[in-house]
């Protein structure tokens, strides 16, 4: 019977690199959430503030890193990776668009009735 040998590569450096990237993104999100710069918070682009768009993009980047490295998608077949990634991308875009459109509609309808505090 032939012995099966598998090399085991240590991914410690990669894990620390991904941890560092996720930490930096989270720190940026927290700082932006605390400071809420007026130029990013009170301006409107595509029906929402640039701050919301920045949060959405940073969240998608974090989701990518978590899925790709910690859920081991990098080791899967190309077709499975594409199925998971593209389905997630389209679902995230759809939900974000739906939330932004509906949130803008609710704001437009209720703004004469409710005083929004900024």
N, C-alpha and C. Protein backbone atom coordinates (compact mmCIF):
# COMPACT_ATOMS: atom_id res chain seq x y z
N UNK A 1 0.85 -1.16 0.00
CA UNK A 1 0.00 0.00 0.00
C UNK A 1 0.90 1.24 0.00
N UNK A 2 0.64 2.13 -0.91
CA UNK A 2 1.46 3.34 -1.03
C UNK A 2 1.06 4.35 0.05
N UNK A 3 2.05 4.95 0.61
CA UNK A 3 1.79 5.95 1.65
C UNK A 3 1.46 7.28 0.99
N UNK A 4 0.42 7.87 1.45
CA UNK A 4 0.03 9.18 0.94
C UNK A 4 0.71 10.26 1.77
N UNK A 5 1.45 11.08 1.09
CA UNK A 5 2.12 12.16 1.81
C UNK A 5 1.51 13.48 1.39
N UNK A 6 1.17 14.24 2.36
CA UNK A 6 0.65 15.58 2.11
C UNK A 6 1.53 16.57 2.85
N UNK A 7 1.91 17.59 2.13
CA UNK A 7 2.67 18.64 2.79
C UNK A 7 1.70 19.59 3.46
N UNK A 8 2.04 19.93 4.66
CA UNK A 8 1.22 20.90 5.38
C UNK A 8 1.98 22.21 5.45
N UNK A 9 1.40 23.23 4.83
CA UNK A 9 2.03 24.56 4.85
C UNK A 9 1.42 25.37 5.98
N UNK A 10 2.26 26.04 6.69
CA UNK A 10 1.78 26.90 7.76
C UNK A 10 1.24 28.20 7.16
N UNK A 11 0.05 28.55 7.57
CA UNK A 11 -0.59 29.77 7.08
C UNK A 11 -0.59 30.87 8.14
N UNK A 12 0.31 30.76 9.09
CA UNK A 12 0.35 31.71 10.19
C UNK A 12 0.57 33.14 9.69
N UNK A 13 1.51 33.32 8.78
CA UNK A 13 1.78 34.67 8.26
C UNK A 13 0.58 35.22 7.50
N UNK A 14 -0.08 34.36 6.72
CA UNK A 14 -1.26 34.79 5.98
C UNK A 14 -2.40 35.16 6.93
N UNK A 15 -2.59 34.37 7.97
CA UNK A 15 -3.65 34.67 8.94
C UNK A 15 -3.39 36.01 9.62
N UNK A 16 -2.15 36.29 9.99
CA UNK A 16 -1.83 37.58 10.61
C UNK A 16 -2.01 38.73 9.63
N UNK A 17 -1.68 38.50 8.36
CA UNK A 17 -1.87 39.54 7.35
C UNK A 17 -3.35 39.87 7.18
N UNK A 18 -4.18 38.83 7.07
CA UNK A 18 -5.63 39.04 6.93
C UNK A 18 -6.19 39.68 8.19
N UNK A 19 -5.72 39.24 9.35
CA UNK A 19 -6.15 39.85 10.61
C UNK A 19 -5.81 41.34 10.62
N UNK A 20 -4.62 41.69 10.17
CA UNK A 20 -4.21 43.10 10.11
C UNK A 20 -5.09 43.90 9.17
N UNK A 21 -5.38 43.36 8.00
CA UNK A 21 -6.24 44.05 7.03
C UNK A 21 -7.64 44.26 7.61
N UNK A 22 -8.21 43.20 8.20
CA UNK A 22 -9.55 43.32 8.78
C UNK A 22 -9.56 44.30 9.96
N UNK A 23 -8.49 44.32 10.73
CA UNK A 23 -8.40 45.26 11.86
C UNK A 23 -8.34 46.70 11.38
N UNK A 24 -7.54 46.95 10.35
CA UNK A 24 -7.43 48.31 9.82
C UNK A 24 -8.78 48.77 9.26
N UNK A 25 -9.45 47.90 8.52
CA UNK A 25 -10.76 48.27 7.96
C UNK A 25 -11.75 48.56 9.09
N UNK A 26 -11.76 47.73 10.12
CA UNK A 26 -12.68 47.94 11.25
C UNK A 26 -12.36 49.23 11.99
N UNK A 27 -11.08 49.52 12.18
CA UNK A 27 -10.69 50.77 12.86
C UNK A 27 -11.14 51.97 12.04
N UNK A 28 -10.97 51.91 10.72
CA UNK A 28 -11.43 53.01 9.86
C UNK A 28 -12.94 53.18 9.97
N UNK A 29 -13.68 52.07 9.98
CA UNK A 29 -15.13 52.15 10.11
C UNK A 29 -15.54 52.78 11.44
N UNK A 30 -14.90 52.37 12.51
CA UNK A 30 -15.23 52.90 13.84
C UNK A 30 -14.92 54.39 13.90
N UNK A 31 -13.75 54.79 13.40
CA UNK A 31 -13.38 56.21 13.43
C UNK A 31 -14.36 57.04 12.61
N UNK A 32 -14.70 56.56 11.40
CA UNK A 32 -15.67 57.29 10.58
C UNK A 32 -17.05 57.34 11.24
N UNK A 33 -17.43 56.25 11.92
CA UNK A 33 -18.72 56.22 12.61
C UNK A 33 -18.77 57.17 13.79
N UNK A 34 -17.66 57.35 14.47
CA UNK A 34 -17.61 58.26 15.62
C UNK A 34 -17.54 59.71 15.15
N UNK A 35 -16.66 59.99 14.19
CA UNK A 35 -16.45 61.37 13.76
C UNK A 35 -17.55 61.90 12.84
N UNK A 36 -18.07 61.05 11.97
CA UNK A 36 -19.08 61.44 10.98
C UNK A 36 -18.75 62.79 10.35
N UNK A 37 -17.70 62.86 9.53
CA UNK A 37 -17.35 64.14 8.91
C UNK A 37 -18.53 64.69 8.10
N UNK A 38 -18.81 65.99 8.27
CA UNK A 38 -19.96 66.60 7.61
C UNK A 38 -19.91 66.45 6.10
N UNK A 39 -18.70 66.54 5.53
CA UNK A 39 -18.58 66.44 4.07
C UNK A 39 -18.99 65.04 3.59
N UNK A 40 -18.84 64.02 4.41
CA UNK A 40 -19.25 62.67 4.04
C UNK A 40 -20.65 62.33 4.51
N UNK A 41 -21.09 62.98 5.57
CA UNK A 41 -22.36 62.61 6.19
C UNK A 41 -23.55 63.42 5.65
N UNK A 42 -23.35 64.68 5.37
CA UNK A 42 -24.47 65.53 4.99
C UNK A 42 -24.60 65.73 3.48
N UNK A 43 -23.70 65.19 2.69
CA UNK A 43 -23.76 65.29 1.23
C UNK A 43 -24.58 64.11 0.70
N UNK A 44 -25.22 64.28 -0.44
CA UNK A 44 -26.00 63.20 -1.05
C UNK A 44 -25.38 62.80 -2.37
N UNK A 45 -25.10 61.51 -2.52
CA UNK A 45 -24.66 60.92 -3.78
C UNK A 45 -25.45 59.64 -3.98
N UNK A 46 -26.06 59.49 -5.13
CA UNK A 46 -26.87 58.30 -5.43
C UNK A 46 -27.95 58.05 -4.38
N UNK A 47 -28.51 59.12 -3.84
CA UNK A 47 -29.61 59.00 -2.89
C UNK A 47 -29.19 58.74 -1.45
N UNK A 48 -27.92 58.70 -1.19
CA UNK A 48 -27.45 58.48 0.18
C UNK A 48 -26.16 59.26 0.41
N UNK A 49 -25.68 59.21 1.62
CA UNK A 49 -24.45 59.95 1.92
C UNK A 49 -23.23 59.12 1.49
N UNK A 50 -22.15 59.81 1.14
CA UNK A 50 -20.92 59.08 0.82
C UNK A 50 -20.43 58.21 1.98
N UNK A 51 -20.76 58.61 3.20
CA UNK A 51 -20.37 57.81 4.37
C UNK A 51 -21.03 56.44 4.33
N UNK A 52 -22.30 56.38 3.95
CA UNK A 52 -22.98 55.09 3.82
C UNK A 52 -22.35 54.25 2.73
N UNK A 53 -22.00 54.87 1.62
CA UNK A 53 -21.36 54.13 0.52
C UNK A 53 -20.02 53.58 0.98
N UNK A 54 -19.26 54.38 1.71
CA UNK A 54 -17.96 53.92 2.23
C UNK A 54 -18.16 52.73 3.16
N UNK A 55 -19.15 52.81 4.05
CA UNK A 55 -19.42 51.68 4.96
C UNK A 55 -19.80 50.43 4.18
N UNK A 56 -20.63 50.57 3.14
CA UNK A 56 -21.02 49.41 2.34
C UNK A 56 -19.81 48.78 1.66
N UNK A 57 -18.96 49.60 1.08
CA UNK A 57 -17.78 49.08 0.37
C UNK A 57 -16.83 48.39 1.36
N UNK A 58 -16.57 49.02 2.50
CA UNK A 58 -15.68 48.42 3.48
C UNK A 58 -16.24 47.12 4.04
N UNK A 59 -17.55 47.05 4.21
CA UNK A 59 -18.18 45.82 4.69
C UNK A 59 -18.06 44.70 3.67
N UNK A 60 -18.24 45.02 2.40
CA UNK A 60 -18.09 44.00 1.35
C UNK A 60 -16.64 43.51 1.29
N UNK A 61 -15.69 44.41 1.44
CA UNK A 61 -14.27 44.00 1.44
C UNK A 61 -13.99 43.07 2.62
N UNK A 62 -14.52 43.41 3.79
CA UNK A 62 -14.33 42.54 4.96
C UNK A 62 -14.98 41.18 4.73
N UNK A 63 -16.16 41.16 4.16
CA UNK A 63 -16.84 39.89 3.87
C UNK A 63 -16.03 39.04 2.90
N UNK A 64 -15.42 39.69 1.91
CA UNK A 64 -14.59 38.97 0.95
C UNK A 64 -13.41 38.30 1.66
N UNK A 65 -12.69 39.05 2.47
CA UNK A 65 -11.52 38.49 3.15
C UNK A 65 -11.91 37.35 4.09
N UNK A 66 -13.00 37.52 4.81
CA UNK A 66 -13.44 36.47 5.74
C UNK A 66 -13.81 35.21 4.96
N UNK A 67 -14.57 35.39 3.89
CA UNK A 67 -15.00 34.23 3.09
C UNK A 67 -13.81 33.58 2.39
N UNK A 68 -12.97 34.37 1.78
CA UNK A 68 -11.89 33.84 0.96
C UNK A 68 -10.85 33.08 1.79
N UNK A 69 -10.48 33.64 2.94
CA UNK A 69 -9.40 33.03 3.70
C UNK A 69 -9.87 32.17 4.86
N UNK A 70 -10.85 32.61 5.63
CA UNK A 70 -11.24 31.85 6.81
C UNK A 70 -12.28 30.77 6.50
N UNK A 71 -13.00 30.91 5.39
CA UNK A 71 -13.91 29.85 4.97
C UNK A 71 -13.28 29.01 3.86
N UNK A 72 -12.01 29.26 3.59
CA UNK A 72 -11.18 28.45 2.69
C UNK A 72 -11.72 28.38 1.26
N UNK A 73 -12.29 29.46 0.78
CA UNK A 73 -12.77 29.48 -0.61
C UNK A 73 -11.62 29.46 -1.61
N UNK A 74 -10.45 29.89 -1.19
CA UNK A 74 -9.29 29.90 -2.09
C UNK A 74 -8.91 28.48 -2.50
N UNK A 75 -9.25 27.49 -1.68
CA UNK A 75 -8.89 26.10 -1.96
C UNK A 75 -9.97 25.34 -2.71
N UNK A 76 -11.11 25.96 -2.96
CA UNK A 76 -12.21 25.28 -3.63
C UNK A 76 -12.07 25.36 -5.15
N UNK A 77 -12.93 24.63 -5.84
CA UNK A 77 -12.90 24.65 -7.30
C UNK A 77 -13.37 26.00 -7.82
N UNK A 78 -12.94 26.32 -9.02
CA UNK A 78 -13.26 27.63 -9.60
C UNK A 78 -14.77 27.83 -9.76
N UNK A 79 -15.48 26.79 -10.16
CA UNK A 79 -16.93 26.93 -10.37
C UNK A 79 -17.67 27.16 -9.05
N UNK A 80 -17.26 26.49 -7.97
CA UNK A 80 -17.90 26.72 -6.67
C UNK A 80 -17.60 28.12 -6.17
N UNK A 81 -16.35 28.57 -6.32
CA UNK A 81 -16.00 29.93 -5.90
C UNK A 81 -16.85 30.95 -6.65
N UNK A 82 -16.95 30.79 -7.96
CA UNK A 82 -17.75 31.74 -8.75
C UNK A 82 -19.21 31.72 -8.33
N UNK A 83 -19.76 30.53 -8.10
CA UNK A 83 -21.17 30.43 -7.69
C UNK A 83 -21.40 31.15 -6.37
N UNK A 84 -20.53 30.96 -5.41
CA UNK A 84 -20.70 31.58 -4.10
C UNK A 84 -20.46 33.08 -4.19
N UNK A 85 -19.36 33.47 -4.84
CA UNK A 85 -18.99 34.89 -4.87
C UNK A 85 -20.00 35.70 -5.68
N UNK A 86 -20.34 35.27 -6.88
CA UNK A 86 -21.25 36.06 -7.72
C UNK A 86 -22.66 36.12 -7.14
N UNK A 87 -23.11 35.03 -6.55
CA UNK A 87 -24.42 35.05 -5.90
C UNK A 87 -24.42 36.05 -4.76
N UNK A 88 -23.37 36.04 -3.97
CA UNK A 88 -23.27 36.98 -2.85
C UNK A 88 -23.17 38.42 -3.33
N UNK A 89 -22.38 38.66 -4.37
CA UNK A 89 -22.22 40.01 -4.89
C UNK A 89 -23.56 40.56 -5.38
N UNK A 90 -24.27 39.79 -6.17
CA UNK A 90 -25.55 40.26 -6.68
C UNK A 90 -26.57 40.45 -5.57
N UNK A 91 -26.57 39.55 -4.59
CA UNK A 91 -27.50 39.69 -3.46
C UNK A 91 -27.20 40.94 -2.64
N UNK A 92 -25.92 41.21 -2.39
CA UNK A 92 -25.53 42.39 -1.63
C UNK A 92 -25.90 43.66 -2.39
N UNK A 93 -25.62 43.70 -3.68
CA UNK A 93 -25.97 44.88 -4.49
C UNK A 93 -27.48 45.08 -4.50
N UNK A 94 -28.24 44.01 -4.68
CA UNK A 94 -29.70 44.11 -4.69
C UNK A 94 -30.22 44.63 -3.35
N UNK A 95 -29.76 44.05 -2.25
CA UNK A 95 -30.25 44.47 -0.93
C UNK A 95 -29.85 45.90 -0.60
N UNK A 96 -28.62 46.28 -0.94
CA UNK A 96 -28.17 47.65 -0.67
C UNK A 96 -28.99 48.65 -1.48
N UNK A 97 -29.23 48.33 -2.74
CA UNK A 97 -30.04 49.22 -3.59
C UNK A 97 -31.46 49.32 -3.04
N UNK A 98 -32.04 48.21 -2.68
CA UNK A 98 -33.39 48.21 -2.13
C UNK A 98 -33.47 49.03 -0.85
N UNK A 99 -32.51 48.86 0.05
CA UNK A 99 -32.51 49.62 1.29
C UNK A 99 -32.34 51.11 1.05
N UNK A 100 -31.46 51.48 0.12
CA UNK A 100 -31.24 52.89 -0.15
C UNK A 100 -32.47 53.53 -0.80
N UNK A 101 -33.10 52.82 -1.73
CA UNK A 101 -34.30 53.37 -2.39
C UNK A 101 -35.44 53.50 -1.39
N UNK A 102 -35.69 52.45 -0.64
CA UNK A 102 -36.80 52.49 0.32
C UNK A 102 -36.53 53.48 1.45
N UNK A 103 -35.29 53.55 1.92
CA UNK A 103 -34.95 54.51 2.96
C UNK A 103 -35.13 55.94 2.49
N UNK A 104 -34.75 56.20 1.25
CA UNK A 104 -34.93 57.54 0.69
C UNK A 104 -36.42 57.85 0.54
N UNK A 105 -37.20 56.87 0.13
CA UNK A 105 -38.65 57.07 -0.02
C UNK A 105 -39.29 57.38 1.34
N UNK A 106 -38.94 56.61 2.35
CA UNK A 106 -39.50 56.84 3.68
C UNK A 106 -39.10 58.22 4.20
N UNK A 107 -37.86 58.61 3.96
CA UNK A 107 -37.40 59.93 4.37
C UNK A 107 -38.20 61.02 3.65
N UNK A 108 -38.43 60.87 2.35
CA UNK A 108 -39.18 61.87 1.59
C UNK A 108 -40.64 61.95 2.05
N UNK A 109 -41.23 60.81 2.34
CA UNK A 109 -42.64 60.79 2.73
C UNK A 109 -42.83 61.32 4.15
N UNK A 110 -41.94 60.95 5.05
CA UNK A 110 -42.12 61.31 6.46
C UNK A 110 -41.48 62.64 6.85
N UNK A 111 -40.61 63.21 6.00
CA UNK A 111 -39.93 64.44 6.42
C UNK A 111 -40.87 65.60 6.72
N UNK A 112 -42.03 65.77 6.05
CA UNK A 112 -42.91 66.85 6.48
C UNK A 112 -43.55 66.58 7.85
N UNK A 113 -43.60 65.32 8.26
CA UNK A 113 -44.29 64.95 9.49
C UNK A 113 -43.37 64.79 10.69
N UNK A 114 -42.09 64.46 10.42
CA UNK A 114 -41.16 64.14 11.50
C UNK A 114 -39.94 65.04 11.38
N UNK A 115 -39.47 65.52 12.52
CA UNK A 115 -38.24 66.30 12.51
C UNK A 115 -37.07 65.34 12.72
N UNK A 116 -36.29 65.17 11.65
CA UNK A 116 -35.12 64.30 11.72
C UNK A 116 -34.01 65.05 12.40
N UNK A 117 -33.40 64.43 13.39
CA UNK A 117 -32.29 65.10 14.09
C UNK A 117 -30.97 64.57 13.54
N UNK A 118 -30.11 65.47 13.16
CA UNK A 118 -28.80 65.10 12.65
C UNK A 118 -27.80 65.37 13.69
